[in-house]
Amino acid sequence: MISADQIREHMEVRAADGTHVGTVDHLDGTTRIKLTKTDSGDGKHHLIPLDWVDHVDAHVHLSKNARDVRSQWATIN
């Protein structure tokens, strides 16, 4: 599992297929990333488990494709 201290606010989050799926708002506890709602198509926050993170460089790269991410993420607000 990726260490949460590698993930910073405002980092771009990309799915395994390279699709932009959001921007990090902040970490929600120690196990989830909360995405900004302003970068969301539906105006809501979405939560992604850290378990989905494949690696982190200048971006957060997920191990799931965009369709799977959007169908499985948690939505709040």
PDB file of N, CA and C in Angstrom:
ATOM      1  N   MET A   1       0.844  -1.186   0.000  1.00  0.00           N
ATOM      2  CA  MET A   1       0.000   0.000   0.000  1.00  0.00           C
ATOM      3  C   MET A   1       0.887   1.245   0.000  1.00  0.00           C
ATOM      4  N   ILE A   2       0.449   2.262  -0.694  1.00  0.00           N
ATOM      5  CA  ILE A   2       1.158   3.539  -0.782  1.00  0.00           C
ATOM      6  C   ILE A   2       1.086   4.249   0.565  1.00  0.00           C
ATOM      7  N   SER A   3       2.143   4.920   0.924  1.00  0.00           N
ATOM      8  CA  SER A   3       2.152   5.708   2.146  1.00  0.00           C
ATOM      9  C   SER A   3       1.387   7.009   1.918  1.00  0.00           C
ATOM     10  N   ALA A   4       0.506   7.339   2.826  1.00  0.00           N
ATOM     11  CA  ALA A   4      -0.338   8.525   2.685  1.00  0.00           C
ATOM     12  C   ALA A   4       0.473   9.815   2.632  1.00  0.00           C
ATOM     13  N   ASP A   5       1.686   9.819   3.197  1.00  0.00           N
ATOM     14  CA  ASP A   5       2.473  11.053   3.198  1.00  0.00           C
ATOM     15  C   ASP A   5       3.028  11.413   1.818  1.00  0.00           C
ATOM     16  N   GLN A   6       2.883  10.538   0.832  1.00  0.00           N
ATOM     17  CA  GLN A   6       3.295  10.833  -0.540  1.00  0.00           C
ATOM     18  C   GLN A   6       2.245  11.658  -1.288  1.00  0.00           C
ATOM     19  N   ILE A   7       1.040  11.696  -0.765  1.00  0.00           N
ATOM     20  CA  ILE A   7      -0.077  12.343  -1.448  1.00  0.00           C
ATOM     21  C   ILE A   7      -0.301  13.732  -0.869  1.00  0.00           C
ATOM     22  N   ARG A   8      -0.355  14.714  -1.753  1.00  0.00           N
ATOM     23  CA  ARG A   8      -0.513  16.117  -1.350  1.00  0.00           C
ATOM     24  C   ARG A   8      -1.794  16.706  -1.942  1.00  0.00           C
ATOM     25  N   GLU A   9      -2.283  17.736  -1.281  1.00  0.00           N
ATOM     26  CA  GLU A   9      -3.440  18.467  -1.803  1.00  0.00           C
ATOM     27  C   GLU A   9      -3.137  18.995  -3.193  1.00  0.00           C
ATOM     28  N   HIS A  10      -4.144  19.032  -4.020  1.00  0.00           N
ATOM     29  CA  HIS A  10      -4.105  19.572  -5.383  1.00  0.00           C
ATOM     30  C   HIS A  10      -3.358  18.703  -6.395  1.00  0.00           C
ATOM     31  N   MET A  11      -2.965  17.483  -6.002  1.00  0.00           N
ATOM     32  CA  MET A  11      -2.349  16.577  -6.979  1.00  0.00           C
ATOM     33  C   MET A  11      -3.435  16.041  -7.901  1.00  0.00           C
ATOM     34  N   GLU A  12      -3.095  15.881  -9.169  1.00  0.00           N
ATOM     35  CA  GLU A  12      -4.023  15.287 -10.119  1.00  0.00           C
ATOM     36  C   GLU A  12      -4.099  13.782  -9.871  1.00  0.00           C
ATOM     37  N   VAL A  13      -5.313  13.229  -9.986  1.00  0.00           N
ATOM     38  CA  VAL A  13      -5.520  11.791  -9.839  1.00  0.00           C
ATOM     39  C   VAL A  13      -5.876  11.236 -11.214  1.00  0.00           C
ATOM     40  N   ARG A  14      -5.104  10.235 -11.650  1.00  0.00           N
ATOM     41  CA  ARG A  14      -5.306   9.633 -12.964  1.00  0.00           C
ATOM     42  C   ARG A  14      -5.630   8.150 -12.819  1.00  0.00           C
ATOM     43  N   ALA A  15      -6.573   7.701 -13.616  1.00  0.00           N
ATOM     44  CA  ALA A  15      -6.927   6.278 -13.650  1.00  0.00           C
ATOM     45  C   ALA A  15      -5.837   5.517 -14.401  1.00  0.00           C
ATOM     46  N   ALA A  16      -5.909   4.185 -14.342  1.00  0.00           N
ATOM     47  CA  ALA A  16      -4.911   3.330 -15.002  1.00  0.00           C
ATOM     48  C   ALA A  16      -4.856   3.563 -16.508  1.00  0.00           C
ATOM     49  N   ASP A  17      -5.977   4.005 -17.086  1.00  0.00           N
ATOM     50  CA  ASP A  17      -5.999   4.271 -18.527  1.00  0.00           C
ATOM     51  C   ASP A  17      -5.541   5.688 -18.874  1.00  0.00           C
ATOM     52  N   GLY A  18      -5.047   6.428 -17.883  1.00  0.00           N
ATOM     53  CA  GLY A  18      -4.532   7.780 -18.100  1.00  0.00           C
ATOM     54  C   GLY A  18      -5.564   8.885 -17.995  1.00  0.00           C
ATOM     55  N   THR A  19      -6.816   8.529 -17.783  1.00  0.00           N
ATOM     56  CA  THR A  19      -7.897   9.511 -17.701  1.00  0.00           C
ATOM     57  C   THR A  19      -7.845  10.279 -16.382  1.00  0.00           C
ATOM     58  N   HIS A  20      -8.002  11.586 -16.456  1.00  0.00           N
ATOM     59  CA  HIS A  20      -8.107  12.428 -15.265  1.00  0.00           C
ATOM     60  C   HIS A  20      -9.428  12.107 -14.566  1.00  0.00           C
ATOM     61  N   VAL A  21      -9.362  11.713 -13.290  1.00  0.00           N
ATOM     62  CA  VAL A  21     -10.595  11.415 -12.554  1.00  0.00           C
ATOM     63  C   VAL A  21     -10.830  12.378 -11.400  1.00  0.00           C
ATOM     64  N   GLY A  22      -9.875  13.256 -11.127  1.00  0.00           N
ATOM     65  CA  GLY A  22     -10.099  14.220 -10.061  1.00  0.00           C
ATOM     66  C   GLY A  22      -8.822  14.870  -9.582  1.00  0.00           C
ATOM     67  N   THR A  23      -8.984  15.689  -8.546  1.00  0.00           N
ATOM     68  CA  THR A  23      -7.888  16.397  -7.901  1.00  0.00           C
ATOM     69  C   THR A  23      -8.011  16.173  -6.399  1.00  0.00           C
ATOM     70  N   VAL A  24      -6.889  15.907  -5.754  1.00  0.00           N
ATOM     71  CA  VAL A  24      -6.899  15.648  -4.312  1.00  0.00           C
ATOM     72  C   VAL A  24      -7.338  16.903  -3.568  1.00  0.00           C
ATOM     73  N   ASP A  25      -8.366  16.760  -2.744  1.00  0.00           N
ATOM     74  CA  ASP A  25      -8.769  17.807  -1.806  1.00  0.00           C
ATOM     75  C   ASP A  25      -7.923  17.632  -0.548  1.00  0.00           C
ATOM     76  N   HIS A  26      -8.019  16.460   0.055  1.00  0.00           N
ATOM     77  CA  HIS A  26      -7.200  16.104   1.211  1.00  0.00           C
ATOM     78  C   HIS A  26      -7.392  14.621   1.518  1.00  0.00           C
ATOM     79  N   LEU A  27      -6.608  14.118   2.456  1.00  0.00           N
ATOM     80  CA  LEU A  27      -6.796  12.750   2.900  1.00  0.00           C
ATOM     81  C   LEU A  27      -7.941  12.713   3.892  1.00  0.00           C
ATOM     82  N   ASP A  28      -8.784  11.720   3.749  1.00  0.00           N
ATOM     83  CA  ASP A  28      -9.914  11.527   4.649  1.00  0.00           C
ATOM     84  C   ASP A  28      -9.528  10.374   5.575  1.00  0.00           C
ATOM     85  N   GLY A  29      -9.006  10.706   6.744  1.00  0.00           N
ATOM     86  CA  GLY A  29      -8.492   9.689   7.644  1.00  0.00           C
ATOM     87  C   GLY A  29      -7.167   9.155   7.108  1.00  0.00           C
ATOM     88  N   THR A  30      -6.936   7.869   7.311  1.00  0.00           N
ATOM     89  CA  THR A  30      -5.675   7.277   6.884  1.00  0.00           C
ATOM     90  C   THR A  30      -5.843   6.299   5.728  1.00  0.00           C
ATOM     91  N   THR A  31      -7.068   6.153   5.235  1.00  0.00           N
ATOM     92  CA  THR A  31      -7.295   5.120   4.224  1.00  0.00           C
ATOM     93  C   THR A  31      -7.965   5.607   2.942  1.00  0.00           C
ATOM     94  N   ARG A  32      -8.348   6.909   2.893  1.00  0.00           N
ATOM     95  CA  ARG A  32      -9.075   7.384   1.711  1.00  0.00           C
ATOM     96  C   ARG A  32      -8.589   8.757   1.270  1.00  0.00           C
ATOM     97  N   ILE A  33      -8.713   8.987  -0.037  1.00  0.00           N
ATOM     98  CA  ILE A  33      -8.436  10.288  -0.637  1.00  0.00           C
ATOM     99  C   ILE A  33      -9.775  10.940  -0.950  1.00  0.00           C
ATOM    100  N   LYS A  34      -9.941  12.180  -0.515  1.00  0.00           N
ATOM    101  CA  LYS A  34     -11.148  12.943  -0.842  1.00  0.00           C
ATOM    102  C   LYS A  34     -10.809  13.837  -2.025  1.00  0.00           C
ATOM    103  N   LEU A  35     -11.596  13.735  -3.083  1.00  0.00           N
ATOM    104  CA  LEU A  35     -11.394  14.548  -4.278  1.00  0.00           C
ATOM    105  C   LEU A  35     -12.188  15.845  -4.182  1.00  0.00           C
ATOM    106  N   THR A  36     -11.693  16.885  -4.833  1.00  0.00           N
ATOM    107  CA  THR A  36     -12.393  18.172  -4.812  1.00  0.00           C
ATOM    108  C   THR A  36     -13.719  18.059  -5.557  1.00  0.00           C
ATOM    109  N   LYS A  37     -14.704  18.763  -5.053  1.00  0.00           N
ATOM    110  CA  LYS A  37     -15.996  18.742  -5.748  1.00  0.00           C
ATOM    111  C   LYS A  37     -16.023  19.724  -6.915  1.00  0.00           C
ATOM    112  N   THR A  38     -15.134  20.720  -6.899  1.00  0.00           N
ATOM    113  CA  THR A  38     -15.107  21.684  -8.005  1.00  0.00           C
ATOM    114  C   THR A  38     -14.554  21.054  -9.284  1.00  0.00           C
ATOM    115  N   ASP A  39     -13.833  19.956  -9.155  1.00  0.00           N
ATOM    116  CA  ASP A  39     -13.260  19.259 -10.308  1.00  0.00           C
ATOM    117  C   ASP A  39     -14.104  18.043 -10.689  1.00  0.00           C
ATOM    118  N   SER A  40     -15.281  17.955 -10.088  1.00  0.00           N
ATOM    119  CA  SER A  40     -16.156  16.810 -10.304  1.00  0.00           C
ATOM    120  C   SER A  40     -17.288  17.201 -11.254  1.00  0.00           C
ATOM    121  N   GLY A  41     -17.648  16.312 -12.114  1.00  0.00           N
ATOM    122  CA  GLY A  41     -18.720  16.597 -13.058  1.00  0.00           C
ATOM    123  C   GLY A  41     -20.086  16.761 -12.414  1.00  0.00           C
ATOM    124  N   ASP A  42     -20.255  16.193 -11.215  1.00  0.00           N
ATOM    125  CA  ASP A  42     -21.555  16.270 -10.552  1.00  0.00           C
ATOM    126  C   ASP A  42     -21.573  17.228  -9.362  1.00  0.00           C
ATOM    127  N   GLY A  43     -20.456  17.942  -9.118  1.00  0.00           N
ATOM    128  CA  GLY A  43     -20.404  18.915  -8.030  1.00  0.00           C
ATOM    129  C   GLY A  43     -20.372  18.306  -6.643  1.00  0.00           C
ATOM    130  N   LYS A  44     -19.968  17.050  -6.537  1.00  0.00           N
ATOM    131  CA  LYS A  44     -19.915  16.353  -5.246  1.00  0.00           C
ATOM    132  C   LYS A  44     -18.499  15.867  -4.972  1.00  0.00           C
ATOM    133  N   HIS A  45     -18.220  15.665  -3.672  1.00  0.00           N
ATOM    134  CA  HIS A  45     -16.945  15.055  -3.281  1.00  0.00           C
ATOM    135  C   HIS A  45     -17.026  13.555  -3.531  1.00  0.00           C
ATOM    136  N   HIS A  46     -15.897  12.971  -3.904  1.00  0.00           N
ATOM    137  CA  HIS A  46     -15.801  11.525  -4.075  1.00  0.00           C
ATOM    138  C   HIS A  46     -14.623  11.036  -3.255  1.00  0.00           C
ATOM    139  N   LEU A  47     -14.746   9.823  -2.724  1.00  0.00           N
ATOM    140  CA  LEU A  47     -13.701   9.228  -1.911  1.00  0.00           C
ATOM    141  C   LEU A  47     -13.131   8.006  -2.609  1.00  0.00           C
ATOM    142  N   ILE A  48     -11.807   7.921  -2.624  1.00  0.00           N
ATOM    143  CA  ILE A  48     -11.106   6.815  -3.260  1.00  0.00           C
ATOM    144  C   ILE A  48     -10.217   6.148  -2.208  1.00  0.00           C
ATOM    145  N   PRO A  49     -10.308   4.834  -2.061  1.00  0.00           N
ATOM    146  CA  PRO A  49      -9.444   4.143  -1.098  1.00  0.00           C
ATOM    147  C   PRO A  49      -7.972   4.207  -1.520  1.00  0.00           C
ATOM    148  N   LEU A  50      -7.084   4.330  -0.552  1.00  0.00           N
ATOM    149  CA  LEU A  50      -5.657   4.315  -0.859  1.00  0.00           C
ATOM    150  C   LEU A  50      -5.245   2.992  -1.495  1.00  0.00           C
ATOM    151  N   ASP A  51      -5.992   1.933  -1.251  1.00  0.00           N
ATOM    152  CA  ASP A  51      -5.699   0.628  -1.852  1.00  0.00           C
ATOM    153  C   ASP A  51      -5.731   0.681  -3.372  1.00  0.00           C
ATOM    154  N   TRP A  52      -6.429   1.645  -3.950  1.00  0.00           N
ATOM    155  CA  TRP A  52      -6.526   1.771  -5.407  1.00  0.00           C
ATOM    156  C   TRP A  52      -5.307   2.457  -6.017  1.00  0.00           C
ATOM    157  N   VAL A  53      -4.467   3.058  -5.187  1.00  0.00           N
ATOM    158  CA  VAL A  53      -3.315   3.806  -5.699  1.00  0.00           C
ATOM    159  C   VAL A  53      -2.223   2.830  -6.123  1.00  0.00           C
ATOM    160  N   ASP A  54      -1.808   2.955  -7.372  1.00  0.00           N
ATOM    161  CA  ASP A  54      -0.727   2.121  -7.907  1.00  0.00           C
ATOM    162  C   ASP A  54       0.629   2.733  -7.579  1.00  0.00           C
ATOM    163  N   HIS A  55       0.778   4.023  -7.870  1.00  0.00           N
ATOM    164  CA  HIS A  55       2.010   4.732  -7.538  1.00  0.00           C
ATOM    165  C   HIS A  55       1.752   6.236  -7.534  1.00  0.00           C
ATOM    166  N   VAL A  56       2.718   6.955  -6.965  1.00  0.00           N
ATOM    167  CA  VAL A  56       2.633   8.415  -6.872  1.00  0.00           C
ATOM    168  C   VAL A  56       3.932   9.003  -7.410  1.00  0.00           C
ATOM    169  N   ASP A  57       3.796   9.959  -8.325  1.00  0.00           N
ATOM    170  CA  ASP A  57       4.934  10.766  -8.761  1.00  0.00           C
ATOM    171  C   ASP A  57       4.435  12.207  -8.703  1.00  0.00           C
ATOM    172  N   ALA A  58       4.393  12.916  -9.783  1.00  0.00           N
ATOM    173  CA  ALA A  58       3.786  14.245  -9.789  1.00  0.00           C
ATOM    174  C   ALA A  58       2.265  14.135  -9.720  1.00  0.00           C
ATOM    175  N   HIS A  59       1.747  12.940  -9.963  1.00  0.00           N
ATOM    176  CA  HIS A  59       0.316  12.661  -9.953  1.00  0.00           C
ATOM    177  C   HIS A  59       0.056  11.422  -9.095  1.00  0.00           C
ATOM    178  N   VAL A  60      -1.193  11.230  -8.747  1.00  0.00           N
ATOM    179  CA  VAL A  60      -1.613   9.992  -8.082  1.00  0.00           C
ATOM    180  C   VAL A  60      -2.159   9.082  -9.174  1.00  0.00           C
ATOM    181  N   HIS A  61      -1.549   7.927  -9.352  1.00  0.00           N
ATOM    182  CA  HIS A  61      -1.936   6.983 -10.399  1.00  0.00           C
ATOM    183  C   HIS A  61      -2.679   5.807  -9.771  1.00  0.00           C
ATOM    184  N   LEU A  62      -3.863   5.534 -10.280  1.00  0.00           N
ATOM    185  CA  LEU A  62      -4.684   4.461  -9.748  1.00  0.00           C
ATOM    186  C   LEU A  62      -4.499   3.168 -10.531  1.00  0.00           C
ATOM    187  N   SER A  63      -4.862   2.064  -9.930  1.00  0.00           N
ATOM    188  CA  SER A  63      -4.751   0.752 -10.572  1.00  0.00           C
ATOM    189  C   SER A  63      -6.026   0.354 -11.302  1.00  0.00           C
ATOM    190  N   LYS A  64      -7.058   1.187 -11.252  1.00  0.00           N
ATOM    191  CA  LYS A  64      -8.341   0.916 -11.916  1.00  0.00           C
ATOM    192  C   LYS A  64      -8.551   1.884 -13.068  1.00  0.00           C
ATOM    193  N   ASN A  65      -9.294   1.451 -14.083  1.00  0.00           N
ATOM    194  CA  ASN A  65      -9.601   2.360 -15.183  1.00  0.00           C
ATOM    195  C   ASN A  65     -10.683   3.349 -14.741  1.00  0.00           C
ATOM    196  N   ALA A  66     -10.865   4.402 -15.499  1.00  0.00           N
ATOM    197  CA  ALA A  66     -11.765   5.492 -15.118  1.00  0.00           C
ATOM    198  C   ALA A  66     -13.201   5.027 -14.919  1.00  0.00           C
ATOM    199  N   ARG A  67     -13.674   4.144 -15.775  1.00  0.00           N
ATOM    200  CA  ARG A  67     -15.056   3.666 -15.647  1.00  0.00           C
ATOM    201  C   ARG A  67     -15.257   2.934 -14.323  1.00  0.00           C
ATOM    202  N   ASP A  68     -14.293   2.091 -13.944  1.00  0.00           N
ATOM    203  CA  ASP A  68     -14.394   1.368 -12.674  1.00  0.00           C
ATOM    204  C   ASP A  68     -14.292   2.319 -11.487  1.00  0.00           C
ATOM    205  N   VAL A  69     -13.391   3.282 -11.569  1.00  0.00           N
ATOM    206  CA  VAL A  69     -13.243   4.257 -10.483  1.00  0.00           C
ATOM    207  C   VAL A  69     -14.561   4.975 -10.248  1.00  0.00           C
ATOM    208  N   ARG A  70     -15.146   5.497 -11.319  1.00  0.00           N
ATOM    209  CA  ARG A  70     -16.379   6.284 -11.192  1.00  0.00           C
ATOM    210  C   ARG A  70     -17.572   5.441 -10.742  1.00  0.00           C
ATOM    211  N   SER A  71     -17.569   4.180 -11.049  1.00  0.00           N
ATOM    212  CA  SER A  71     -18.699   3.327 -10.638  1.00  0.00           C
ATOM    213  C   SER A  71     -18.528   2.806  -9.204  1.00  0.00           C
ATOM    214  N   GLN A  72     -17.291   2.858  -8.681  1.00  0.00           N
ATOM    215  CA  GLN A  72     -17.042   2.269  -7.369  1.00  0.00           C
ATOM    216  C   GLN A  72     -16.654   3.265  -6.278  1.00  0.00           C
ATOM    217  N   TRP A  73     -16.364   4.522  -6.623  1.00  0.00           N
ATOM    218  CA  TRP A  73     -15.987   5.454  -5.585  1.00  0.00           C
ATOM    219  C   TRP A  73     -17.183   5.800  -4.712  1.00  0.00           C
ATOM    220  N   ALA A  74     -16.923   6.246  -3.499  1.00  0.00           N
ATOM    221  CA  ALA A  74     -17.988   6.700  -2.614  1.00  0.00           C
ATOM    222  C   ALA A  74     -18.258   8.169  -2.907  1.00  0.00           C
ATOM    223  N   THR A  75     -19.518   8.558  -2.858  1.00  0.00           N
ATOM    224  CA  THR A  75     -19.929   9.938  -3.127  1.00  0.00           C
ATOM    225  C   THR A  75     -20.523  10.530  -1.861  1.00  0.00           C
ATOM    226  N   ILE A  76     -20.121  11.763  -1.543  1.00  0.00           N
ATOM    227  CA  ILE A  76     -20.689  12.481  -0.391  1.00  0.00           C
ATOM    228  C   ILE A  76     -21.106  13.871  -0.839  1.00  0.00           C
ATOM    229  N   ASN A  77     -21.997  14.490  -0.070  1.00  0.00           N
ATOM    230  CA  ASN A  77     -22.578  15.820  -0.317  1.00  0.00           C
ATOM    231  C   ASN A  77     -23.757  15.679  -1.206  1.00  0.00           C
TER     232      ASN A  77
END
